[in-house]
Amino acid sequence: MTSYTPKGVCSRQINIEVNGDTIESVQFVGGCNGNTQGISSLVKGMKVDEVIARLEGINCNGRGTSCPDQLAKALKSIKGE
């Protein structure tokens, strides 16, 4: 399990479990509960690179980032990018 502290969004922490190149689980602490649960459910079982490609750059209300974008950043940091 890896914990990531997002920046510029409502969620305070993202907990990620990756097995090889597959996402086992994602849990957001804080943020919009329904949306973050939905993201977590949708990415479970997906390949890390696919999640990054789909979520990177998503913008929330002009903030320049979003919870999905922060998840992409967290996954990139896990990969060492």
Protein backbone atom coordinates (compact mmCIF):
# COMPACT_ATOMS: atom_id res chain seq x y z
CA MET A 1 0.00 0.00 0.00
CA THR A 2 1.30 3.41 -0.97
CA SER A 3 -0.06 6.70 0.35
CA TYR A 4 0.05 9.88 -1.72
CA THR A 5 -0.74 13.43 -0.56
CA PRO A 6 -2.61 15.20 -3.37
CA LYS A 7 -2.20 18.91 -4.07
CA GLY A 8 -4.85 21.42 -5.17
CA VAL A 9 -7.89 19.18 -4.54
CA CYS A 10 -10.35 18.46 -1.73
CA SER A 11 -9.10 14.95 -0.98
CA ARG A 12 -6.34 14.80 1.63
CA GLN A 13 -4.79 11.43 0.84
CA ILE A 14 -4.89 8.68 -1.77
CA ASN A 15 -4.07 5.11 -0.69
CA ILE A 16 -3.13 2.84 -3.58
CA GLU A 17 -2.38 -0.86 -3.75
CA VAL A 18 -0.69 -2.08 -6.94
CA ASN A 19 0.24 -5.66 -7.79
CA GLY A 20 2.79 -5.65 -10.58
CA ASP A 21 1.25 -3.29 -13.15
CA THR A 22 -2.38 -3.81 -12.03
CA ILE A 23 -4.31 -1.67 -9.57
CA GLU A 24 -5.71 -3.75 -6.72
CA SER A 25 -7.40 -0.91 -4.79
CA VAL A 26 -7.62 2.86 -4.46
CA GLN A 27 -9.04 4.75 -1.48
CA PHE A 28 -9.44 8.52 -1.33
CA VAL A 29 -9.54 10.23 2.07
CA GLY A 30 -11.77 13.29 1.80
CA GLY A 31 -13.03 14.77 -1.44
CA CYS A 32 -16.41 14.21 -3.09
CA ASN A 33 -17.36 10.83 -1.62
CA GLY A 34 -19.50 9.53 -4.49
CA ASN A 35 -17.05 10.59 -7.18
CA THR A 36 -14.00 9.21 -5.42
CA GLN A 37 -15.77 5.90 -4.72
CA GLY A 38 -16.70 5.74 -8.41
CA ILE A 39 -13.13 6.38 -9.53
CA SER A 40 -11.84 3.75 -7.10
CA SER A 41 -14.33 1.18 -8.36
CA LEU A 42 -13.67 1.91 -12.04
CA VAL A 43 -9.86 1.65 -11.85
CA LYS A 44 -9.77 -1.57 -9.83
CA GLY A 45 -8.20 -4.27 -11.99
CA MET A 46 -6.94 -1.80 -14.62
CA LYS A 47 -3.34 -1.49 -15.75
CA VAL A 48 -1.46 1.44 -14.24
CA ASP A 49 -0.49 2.91 -17.63
CA GLU A 50 -4.09 2.82 -18.88
CA VAL A 51 -5.34 4.66 -15.78
CA ILE A 52 -2.62 7.31 -16.19
CA ALA A 53 -3.49 7.77 -19.87
CA ARG A 54 -7.21 8.15 -19.14
CA LEU A 55 -7.04 10.38 -16.05
CA GLU A 56 -3.99 12.59 -16.49
CA GLY A 57 -4.86 16.22 -17.16
CA ILE A 58 -8.50 16.16 -15.99
CA ASN A 59 -9.33 19.61 -14.59
CA CYS A 60 -11.79 20.34 -11.76
CA ASN A 61 -13.39 23.80 -11.81
CA GLY A 62 -10.33 25.57 -13.23
CA ARG A 63 -7.96 24.29 -10.53
CA GLY A 64 -5.55 22.88 -13.08
CA THR A 65 -5.93 19.44 -11.50
CA SER A 66 -8.55 17.09 -10.06
CA CYS A 67 -8.77 13.97 -7.93
CA PRO A 68 -8.46 11.76 -11.06
CA ASP A 69 -5.44 13.81 -12.22
CA GLN A 70 -3.89 13.49 -8.75
CA LEU A 71 -4.40 9.71 -8.92
CA ALA A 72 -2.53 9.71 -12.24
CA LYS A 73 0.28 11.70 -10.63
CA ALA A 74 0.38 9.28 -7.69
CA LEU A 75 0.63 6.31 -10.06
CA LYS A 76 3.42 8.01 -12.00
CA SER A 77 5.32 8.55 -8.73
CA ILE A 78 4.90 4.86 -7.88
CA LYS A 79 6.37 4.01 -11.29
CA GLY A 80 9.26 6.41 -10.63
CA GLU A 81 8.30 8.90 -13.35
